């Protein structure tokens, strides 16, 4: 999976969790929580959906790696590749 595909997968999860958010104008290098109305439960839902949909475990110590779309892609792309996705 490419970094762009990884970003798309994260955006699909966010769209399901926060359907009222406008994801079309997100800055990929800015913190998601600064751009969207995501609370800590929403963030945990994102982590849980990554596990449920893609089999990717994100330990709590790595949560800061999911701050922006760019950092999500940097962190998750190798995990998707390891999963063969």
PDB file of N, CA and C in Angstrom:
ATOM      1  N   UNK A   1       0.850  -1.182   0.000  1.00  0.00           N
ATOM      2  CA  UNK A   1       0.000   0.000   0.000  1.00  0.00           C
ATOM      3  C   UNK A   1       0.891   1.238   0.000  1.00  0.00           C
ATOM      4  N   UNK A   2       0.552   2.202  -0.845  1.00  0.00           N
ATOM      5  CA  UNK A   2       1.311   3.446  -0.907  1.00  0.00           C
ATOM      6  C   UNK A   2       0.898   4.375   0.231  1.00  0.00           C
ATOM      7  N   UNK A   3       1.675   5.423   0.425  1.00  0.00           N
ATOM      8  CA  UNK A   3       1.323   6.397   1.460  1.00  0.00           C
ATOM      9  C   UNK A   3      -0.016   7.064   1.153  1.00  0.00           C
ATOM     10  N   UNK A   4      -0.282   7.351  -0.112  1.00  0.00           N
ATOM     11  CA  UNK A   4      -1.565   7.963  -0.474  1.00  0.00           C
ATOM     12  C   UNK A   4      -2.728   7.019  -0.197  1.00  0.00           C
ATOM     13  N   UNK A   5      -2.541   5.737  -0.484  1.00  0.00           N
ATOM     14  CA  UNK A   5      -3.587   4.749  -0.183  1.00  0.00           C
ATOM     15  C   UNK A   5      -3.802   4.620   1.321  1.00  0.00           C
ATOM     16  N   UNK A   6      -2.727   4.721   2.059  1.00  0.00           N
ATOM     17  CA  UNK A   6      -2.808   4.669   3.515  1.00  0.00           C
ATOM     18  C   UNK A   6      -3.594   5.871   4.041  1.00  0.00           C
ATOM     19  N   UNK A   7      -3.302   7.053   3.510  1.00  0.00           N
ATOM     20  CA  UNK A   7      -4.046   8.252   3.913  1.00  0.00           C
ATOM     21  C   UNK A   7      -5.524   8.091   3.591  1.00  0.00           C
ATOM     22  N   UNK A   8      -5.825   7.525   2.438  1.00  0.00           N
ATOM     23  CA  UNK A   8      -7.213   7.312   2.050  1.00  0.00           C
ATOM     24  C   UNK A   8      -7.911   6.357   3.008  1.00  0.00           C
ATOM     25  N   UNK A   9      -7.221   5.316   3.433  1.00  0.00           N
ATOM     26  CA  UNK A   9      -7.797   4.364   4.385  1.00  0.00           C
ATOM     27  C   UNK A   9      -8.116   5.052   5.710  1.00  0.00           C
ATOM     28  N   UNK A  10      -7.220   5.917   6.169  1.00  0.00           N
ATOM     29  CA  UNK A  10      -7.455   6.663   7.409  1.00  0.00           C
ATOM     30  C   UNK A  10      -8.623   7.622   7.228  1.00  0.00           C
ATOM     31  N   UNK A  11      -8.683   8.298   6.090  1.00  0.00           N
ATOM     32  CA  UNK A  11      -9.792   9.218   5.825  1.00  0.00           C
ATOM     33  C   UNK A  11     -11.133   8.494   5.786  1.00  0.00           C
ATOM     34  N   UNK A  12     -11.151   7.288   5.237  1.00  0.00           N
ATOM     35  CA  UNK A  12     -12.394   6.506   5.204  1.00  0.00           C
ATOM     36  C   UNK A  12     -12.860   6.171   6.616  1.00  0.00           C
ATOM     37  N   UNK A  13     -11.925   5.846   7.486  1.00  0.00           N
ATOM     38  CA  UNK A  13     -12.276   5.563   8.878  1.00  0.00           C
ATOM     39  C   UNK A  13     -12.799   6.821   9.554  1.00  0.00           C
ATOM     40  N   UNK A  14     -12.124   7.947   9.348  1.00  0.00           N
ATOM     41  CA  UNK A  14     -12.569   9.199   9.963  1.00  0.00           C
ATOM     42  C   UNK A  14     -13.953   9.574   9.445  1.00  0.00           C
ATOM     43  N   UNK A  15     -14.189   9.384   8.161  1.00  0.00           N
ATOM     44  CA  UNK A  15     -15.494   9.712   7.587  1.00  0.00           C
ATOM     45  C   UNK A  15     -16.604   8.888   8.223  1.00  0.00           C
ATOM     46  N   UNK A  16     -16.315   7.643   8.558  1.00  0.00           N
ATOM     47  CA  UNK A  16     -17.315   6.800   9.218  1.00  0.00           C
ATOM     48  C   UNK A  16     -17.534   7.217  10.669  1.00  0.00           C
ATOM     49  N   UNK A  17     -16.465   7.628  11.339  1.00  0.00           N
ATOM     50  CA  UNK A  17     -16.546   7.999  12.755  1.00  0.00           C
ATOM     51  C   UNK A  17     -17.134   9.391  12.943  1.00  0.00           C
ATOM     52  N   UNK A  18     -16.776  10.300  12.048  1.00  0.00           N
ATOM     53  CA  UNK A  18     -17.234  11.693  12.146  1.00  0.00           C
ATOM     54  C   UNK A  18     -17.834  12.115  10.804  1.00  0.00           C
ATOM     55  N   UNK A  19     -19.030  11.598  10.483  1.00  0.00           N
ATOM     56  CA  UNK A  19     -19.601  11.830   9.150  1.00  0.00           C
ATOM     57  C   UNK A  19     -19.917  13.296   8.827  1.00  0.00           C
ATOM     58  N   UNK A  20     -20.031  14.143   9.827  1.00  0.00           N
ATOM     59  CA  UNK A  20     -20.352  15.539   9.581  1.00  0.00           C
ATOM     60  C   UNK A  20     -19.126  16.403   9.283  1.00  0.00           C
ATOM     61  N   UNK A  21     -17.951  15.844   9.427  1.00  0.00           N
ATOM     62  CA  UNK A  21     -16.723  16.601   9.191  1.00  0.00           C
ATOM     63  C   UNK A  21     -16.446  16.735   7.696  1.00  0.00           C
ATOM     64  N   UNK A  22     -15.959  17.912   7.289  1.00  0.00           N
ATOM     65  CA  UNK A  22     -15.545  18.147   5.905  1.00  0.00           C
ATOM     66  C   UNK A  22     -14.069  17.761   5.783  1.00  0.00           C
ATOM     67  N   UNK A  23     -13.818  16.652   5.152  1.00  0.00           N
ATOM     68  CA  UNK A  23     -12.452  16.142   5.053  1.00  0.00           C
ATOM     69  C   UNK A  23     -11.730  16.625   3.798  1.00  0.00           C
ATOM     70  N   UNK A  24     -12.415  17.356   2.951  1.00  0.00           N
ATOM     71  CA  UNK A  24     -11.840  17.795   1.697  1.00  0.00           C
ATOM     72  C   UNK A  24     -10.770  18.860   1.819  1.00  0.00           C
ATOM     73  N   UNK A  25     -10.740  19.561   2.937  1.00  0.00           N
ATOM     74  CA  UNK A  25      -9.791  20.678   3.078  1.00  0.00           C
ATOM     75  C   UNK A  25      -8.728  20.417   4.143  1.00  0.00           C
ATOM     76  N   UNK A  26      -8.524  19.162   4.480  1.00  0.00           N
ATOM     77  CA  UNK A  26      -7.541  18.851   5.516  1.00  0.00           C
ATOM     78  C   UNK A  26      -6.124  19.120   5.028  1.00  0.00           C
ATOM     79  N   UNK A  27      -5.339  19.707   5.895  1.00  0.00           N
ATOM     80  CA  UNK A  27      -3.913  19.854   5.632  1.00  0.00           C
ATOM     81  C   UNK A  27      -3.253  18.570   6.112  1.00  0.00           C
ATOM     82  N   UNK A  28      -2.491  17.953   5.255  1.00  0.00           N
ATOM     83  CA  UNK A  28      -1.926  16.642   5.566  1.00  0.00           C
ATOM     84  C   UNK A  28      -0.820  16.692   6.603  1.00  0.00           C
ATOM     85  N   UNK A  29      -0.225  17.870   6.811  1.00  0.00           N
ATOM     86  CA  UNK A  29       0.871  17.973   7.768  1.00  0.00           C
ATOM     87  C   UNK A  29       0.447  18.601   9.093  1.00  0.00           C
ATOM     88  N   UNK A  30      -0.839  18.922   9.255  1.00  0.00           N
ATOM     89  CA  UNK A  30      -1.335  19.527  10.493  1.00  0.00           C
ATOM     90  C   UNK A  30      -2.049  18.477  11.337  1.00  0.00           C
ATOM     91  N   UNK A  31      -2.017  18.688  12.633  1.00  0.00           N
ATOM     92  CA  UNK A  31      -2.656  17.734  13.550  1.00  0.00           C
ATOM     93  C   UNK A  31      -4.144  17.593  13.236  1.00  0.00           C
ATOM     94  N   UNK A  32      -4.597  16.355  13.146  1.00  0.00           N
ATOM     95  CA  UNK A  32      -6.005  16.088  12.851  1.00  0.00           C
ATOM     96  C   UNK A  32      -6.913  16.677  13.926  1.00  0.00           C
ATOM     97  N   UNK A  33      -6.531  16.551  15.177  1.00  0.00           N
ATOM     98  CA  UNK A  33      -7.374  17.046  16.265  1.00  0.00           C
ATOM     99  C   UNK A  33      -7.477  18.569  16.253  1.00  0.00           C
ATOM    100  N   UNK A  34      -6.517  19.265  15.653  1.00  0.00           N
ATOM    101  CA  UNK A  34      -6.601  20.720  15.521  1.00  0.00           C
ATOM    102  C   UNK A  34      -7.531  21.125  14.375  1.00  0.00           C
ATOM    103  N   UNK A  35      -7.731  20.224  13.418  1.00  0.00           N
ATOM    104  CA  UNK A  35      -8.532  20.538  12.241  1.00  0.00           C
ATOM    105  C   UNK A  35      -9.962  20.003  12.320  1.00  0.00           C
ATOM    106  N   UNK A  36     -10.160  18.975  13.112  1.00  0.00           N
ATOM    107  CA  UNK A  36     -11.455  18.305  13.195  1.00  0.00           C
ATOM    108  C   UNK A  36     -11.946  18.301  14.635  1.00  0.00           C
ATOM    109  N   UNK A  37     -13.213  18.097  14.795  1.00  0.00           N
ATOM    110  CA  UNK A  37     -13.795  18.019  16.126  1.00  0.00           C
ATOM    111  C   UNK A  37     -13.726  16.574  16.632  1.00  0.00           C
ATOM    112  N   UNK A  38     -12.508  16.085  16.796  1.00  0.00           N
ATOM    113  CA  UNK A  38     -12.297  14.721  17.276  1.00  0.00           C
ATOM    114  C   UNK A  38     -11.918  14.763  18.747  1.00  0.00           C
ATOM    115  N   UNK A  39     -12.624  13.981  19.548  1.00  0.00           N
ATOM    116  CA  UNK A  39     -12.239  13.878  20.954  1.00  0.00           C
ATOM    117  C   UNK A  39     -11.442  12.590  21.156  1.00  0.00           C
ATOM    118  N   UNK A  40     -11.073  12.331  22.381  1.00  0.00           N
ATOM    119  CA  UNK A  40     -10.232  11.159  22.646  1.00  0.00           C
ATOM    120  C   UNK A  40     -10.950   9.851  22.312  1.00  0.00           C
ATOM    121  N   UNK A  41     -12.258   9.807  22.494  1.00  0.00           N
ATOM    122  CA  UNK A  41     -13.011   8.595  22.138  1.00  0.00           C
ATOM    123  C   UNK A  41     -13.015   8.382  20.622  1.00  0.00           C
ATOM    124  N   UNK A  42     -13.138   9.471  19.858  1.00  0.00           N
ATOM    125  CA  UNK A  42     -13.067   9.361  18.398  1.00  0.00           C
ATOM    126  C   UNK A  42     -11.702   8.811  17.976  1.00  0.00           C
ATOM    127  N   UNK A  43     -10.657   9.314  18.619  1.00  0.00           N
ATOM    128  CA  UNK A  43      -9.316   8.852  18.289  1.00  0.00           C
ATOM    129  C   UNK A  43      -9.176   7.358  18.592  1.00  0.00           C
ATOM    130  N   UNK A  44      -9.691   6.926  19.727  1.00  0.00           N
ATOM    131  CA  UNK A  44      -9.647   5.501  20.058  1.00  0.00           C
ATOM    132  C   UNK A  44     -10.443   4.678  19.052  1.00  0.00           C
ATOM    133  N   UNK A  45     -11.558   5.240  18.571  1.00  0.00           N
ATOM    134  CA  UNK A  45     -12.339   4.557  17.541  1.00  0.00           C
ATOM    135  C   UNK A  45     -11.519   4.377  16.266  1.00  0.00           C
ATOM    136  N   UNK A  46     -10.724   5.369  15.918  1.00  0.00           N
ATOM    137  CA  UNK A  46      -9.862   5.268  14.737  1.00  0.00           C
ATOM    138  C   UNK A  46      -8.873   4.114  14.919  1.00  0.00           C
ATOM    139  N   UNK A  47      -8.247   4.059  16.089  1.00  0.00           N
ATOM    140  CA  UNK A  47      -7.282   2.994  16.384  1.00  0.00           C
ATOM    141  C   UNK A  47      -7.967   1.625  16.325  1.00  0.00           C
ATOM    142  N   UNK A  48      -9.171   1.540  16.890  1.00  0.00           N
ATOM    143  CA  UNK A  48      -9.895   0.268  16.900  1.00  0.00           C
ATOM    144  C   UNK A  48     -10.296  -0.150  15.482  1.00  0.00           C
ATOM    145  N   UNK A  49     -10.690   0.811  14.659  1.00  0.00           N
ATOM    146  CA  UNK A  49     -11.063   0.503  13.277  1.00  0.00           C
ATOM    147  C   UNK A  49      -9.856   0.057  12.457  1.00  0.00           C
ATOM    148  N   UNK A  50      -8.688   0.631  12.725  1.00  0.00           N
ATOM    149  CA  UNK A  50      -7.470   0.167  12.046  1.00  0.00           C
ATOM    150  C   UNK A  50      -7.236  -1.310  12.344  1.00  0.00           C
ATOM    151  N   UNK A  51      -7.478  -1.698  13.588  1.00  0.00           N
ATOM    152  CA  UNK A  51      -7.306  -3.105  13.963  1.00  0.00           C
ATOM    153  C   UNK A  51      -8.387  -3.968  13.328  1.00  0.00           C
ATOM    154  N   UNK A  52      -9.634  -3.502  13.414  1.00  0.00           N
ATOM    155  CA  UNK A  52     -10.757  -4.299  12.914  1.00  0.00           C
ATOM    156  C   UNK A  52     -10.719  -4.461  11.392  1.00  0.00           C
ATOM    157  N   UNK A  53     -10.502  -3.377  10.679  1.00  0.00           N
ATOM    158  CA  UNK A  53     -10.552  -3.405   9.213  1.00  0.00           C
ATOM    159  C   UNK A  53      -9.278  -3.929   8.573  1.00  0.00           C
ATOM    160  N   UNK A  54      -8.138  -3.631   9.206  1.00  0.00           N
ATOM    161  CA  UNK A  54      -6.862  -3.899   8.538  1.00  0.00           C
ATOM    162  C   UNK A  54      -5.909  -4.777   9.338  1.00  0.00           C
ATOM    163  N   UNK A  55      -6.308  -5.169  10.553  1.00  0.00           N
ATOM    164  CA  UNK A  55      -5.455  -6.026  11.361  1.00  0.00           C
ATOM    165  C   UNK A  55      -4.203  -5.347  11.878  1.00  0.00           C
ATOM    166  N   UNK A  56      -4.245  -4.021  11.982  1.00  0.00           N
ATOM    167  CA  UNK A  56      -3.068  -3.269  12.419  1.00  0.00           C
ATOM    168  C   UNK A  56      -3.247  -2.844  13.875  1.00  0.00           C
ATOM    169  N   UNK A  57      -2.316  -3.269  14.702  1.00  0.00           N
ATOM    170  CA  UNK A  57      -2.304  -2.905  16.114  1.00  0.00           C
ATOM    171  C   UNK A  57      -1.454  -1.650  16.289  1.00  0.00           C
ATOM    172  N   UNK A  58      -1.995  -0.682  17.008  1.00  0.00           N
ATOM    173  CA  UNK A  58      -1.246   0.533  17.326  1.00  0.00           C
ATOM    174  C   UNK A  58      -1.157   0.606  18.846  1.00  0.00           C
ATOM    175  N   UNK A  59       0.022   0.357  19.412  1.00  0.00           N
ATOM    176  CA  UNK A  59       0.154   0.438  20.862  1.00  0.00           C
ATOM    177  C   UNK A  59      -0.016   1.882  21.339  1.00  0.00           C
ATOM    178  N   UNK A  60      -0.502   2.021  22.551  1.00  0.00           N
ATOM    179  CA  UNK A  60      -0.755   3.350  23.103  1.00  0.00           C
ATOM    180  C   UNK A  60       0.481   4.238  23.050  1.00  0.00           C
ATOM    181  N   UNK A  61       1.639   3.659  23.219  1.00  0.00           N
ATOM    182  CA  UNK A  61       2.880   4.436  23.183  1.00  0.00           C
ATOM    183  C   UNK A  61       3.149   5.050  21.806  1.00  0.00           C
ATOM    184  N   UNK A  62       2.458   4.559  20.766  1.00  0.00           N
ATOM    185  CA  UNK A  62       2.652   5.078  19.406  1.00  0.00           C
ATOM    186  C   UNK A  62       1.528   6.003  18.941  1.00  0.00           C
ATOM    187  N   UNK A  63       0.563   6.284  19.787  1.00  0.00           N
ATOM    188  CA  UNK A  63      -0.579   7.108  19.376  1.00  0.00           C
ATOM    189  C   UNK A  63      -0.151   8.447  18.794  1.00  0.00           C
ATOM    190  N   UNK A  64       0.921   9.043  19.315  1.00  0.00           N
ATOM    191  CA  UNK A  64       1.361  10.345  18.812  1.00  0.00           C
ATOM    192  C   UNK A  64       1.793  10.266  17.347  1.00  0.00           C
ATOM    193  N   UNK A  65       2.092   9.057  16.862  1.00  0.00           N
ATOM    194  CA  UNK A  65       2.474   8.869  15.464  1.00  0.00           C
ATOM    195  C   UNK A  65       1.293   9.063  14.514  1.00  0.00           C
ATOM    196  N   UNK A  66       0.081   9.124  15.069  1.00  0.00           N
ATOM    197  CA  UNK A  66      -1.127   9.268  14.254  1.00  0.00           C
ATOM    198  C   UNK A  66      -1.692  10.681  14.324  1.00  0.00           C
ATOM    199  N   UNK A  67      -0.858  11.653  14.611  1.00  0.00           N
ATOM    200  CA  UNK A  67      -1.326  13.021  14.814  1.00  0.00           C
ATOM    201  C   UNK A  67      -1.842  13.678  13.534  1.00  0.00           C
ATOM    202  N   UNK A  68      -1.148  13.499  12.434  1.00  0.00           N
ATOM    203  CA  UNK A  68      -1.541  14.118  11.159  1.00  0.00           C
ATOM    204  C   UNK A  68      -1.677  13.029  10.101  1.00  0.00           C
ATOM    205  N   UNK A  69      -2.248  13.388   8.961  1.00  0.00           N
ATOM    206  CA  UNK A  69      -2.340  12.401   7.875  1.00  0.00           C
ATOM    207  C   UNK A  69      -0.954  11.965   7.407  1.00  0.00           C
ATOM    208  N   UNK A  70      -0.031  12.931   7.318  1.00  0.00           N
ATOM    209  CA  UNK A  70       1.330  12.572   6.896  1.00  0.00           C
ATOM    210  C   UNK A  70       1.986  11.614   7.888  1.00  0.00           C
ATOM    211  N   UNK A  71       1.844  11.903   9.185  1.00  0.00           N
ATOM    212  CA  UNK A  71       2.473  11.022  10.171  1.00  0.00           C
ATOM    213  C   UNK A  71       1.772   9.664  10.216  1.00  0.00           C
ATOM    214  N   UNK A  72       0.458   9.647   9.980  1.00  0.00           N
ATOM    215  CA  UNK A  72      -0.269   8.378   9.876  1.00  0.00           C
ATOM    216  C   UNK A  72       0.323   7.540   8.744  1.00  0.00           C
ATOM    217  N   UNK A  73       0.516   8.164   7.595  1.00  0.00           N
ATOM    218  CA  UNK A  73       1.048   7.453   6.435  1.00  0.00           C
ATOM    219  C   UNK A  73       2.458   6.944   6.708  1.00  0.00           C
ATOM    220  N   UNK A  74       3.292   7.781   7.323  1.00  0.00           N
ATOM    221  CA  UNK A  74       4.661   7.364   7.633  1.00  0.00           C
ATOM    222  C   UNK A  74       4.669   6.170   8.583  1.00  0.00           C
ATOM    223  N   UNK A  75       3.789   6.190   9.569  1.00  0.00           N
ATOM    224  CA  UNK A  75       3.753   5.130  10.569  1.00  0.00           C
ATOM    225  C   UNK A  75       3.050   3.875  10.057  1.00  0.00           C
ATOM    226  N   UNK A  76       1.939   4.047   9.361  1.00  0.00           N
ATOM    227  CA  UNK A  76       1.098   2.912   8.997  1.00  0.00           C
ATOM    228  C   UNK A  76       1.506   2.202   7.702  1.00  0.00           C
ATOM    229  N   UNK A  77       2.087   2.911   6.751  1.00  0.00           N
ATOM    230  CA  UNK A  77       2.419   2.296   5.464  1.00  0.00           C
ATOM    231  C   UNK A  77       3.254   1.029   5.620  1.00  0.00           C
ATOM    232  N   UNK A  78       4.322   1.044   6.434  1.00  0.00           N
ATOM    233  CA  UNK A  78       5.078  -0.209   6.603  1.00  0.00           C
ATOM    234  C   UNK A  78       4.234  -1.319   7.249  1.00  0.00           C
ATOM    235  N   UNK A  79       3.309  -0.944   8.107  1.00  0.00           N
ATOM    236  CA  UNK A  79       2.445  -1.950   8.752  1.00  0.00           C
ATOM    237  C   UNK A  79       1.464  -2.558   7.738  1.00  0.00           C
ATOM    238  N   UNK A  80       0.909  -1.713   6.846  1.00  0.00           N
ATOM    239  CA  UNK A  80       0.047  -2.229   5.797  1.00  0.00           C
ATOM    240  C   UNK A  80       0.845  -3.164   4.888  1.00  0.00           C
ATOM    241  N   UNK A  81       2.072  -2.777   4.554  1.00  0.00           N
ATOM    242  CA  UNK A  81       2.916  -3.587   3.686  1.00  0.00           C
ATOM    243  C   UNK A  81       3.220  -4.928   4.342  1.00  0.00           C
ATOM    244  N   UNK A  82       3.479  -4.910   5.636  1.00  0.00           N
ATOM    245  CA  UNK A  82       3.754  -6.151   6.355  1.00  0.00           C
ATOM    246  C   UNK A  82       2.533  -7.062   6.386  1.00  0.00           C
ATOM    247  N   UNK A  83       1.331  -6.440   6.363  1.00  0.00           N
ATOM    248  CA  UNK A  83       0.091  -7.204   6.365  1.00  0.00           C
ATOM    249  C   UNK A  83      -0.239  -7.724   4.960  1.00  0.00           C
ATOM    250  N   UNK A  84       0.488  -7.230   3.958  1.00  0.00           N
ATOM    251  CA  UNK A  84       0.235  -7.647   2.594  1.00  0.00           C
ATOM    252  C   UNK A  84      -0.953  -6.939   1.981  1.00  0.00           C
ATOM    253  N   UNK A  85      -1.268  -5.750   2.487  1.00  0.00           N
ATOM    254  CA  UNK A  85      -2.421  -4.986   1.980  1.00  0.00           C
ATOM    255  C   UNK A  85      -1.999  -3.988   0.953  1.00  0.00           C
TER     256      UNK A  85
END
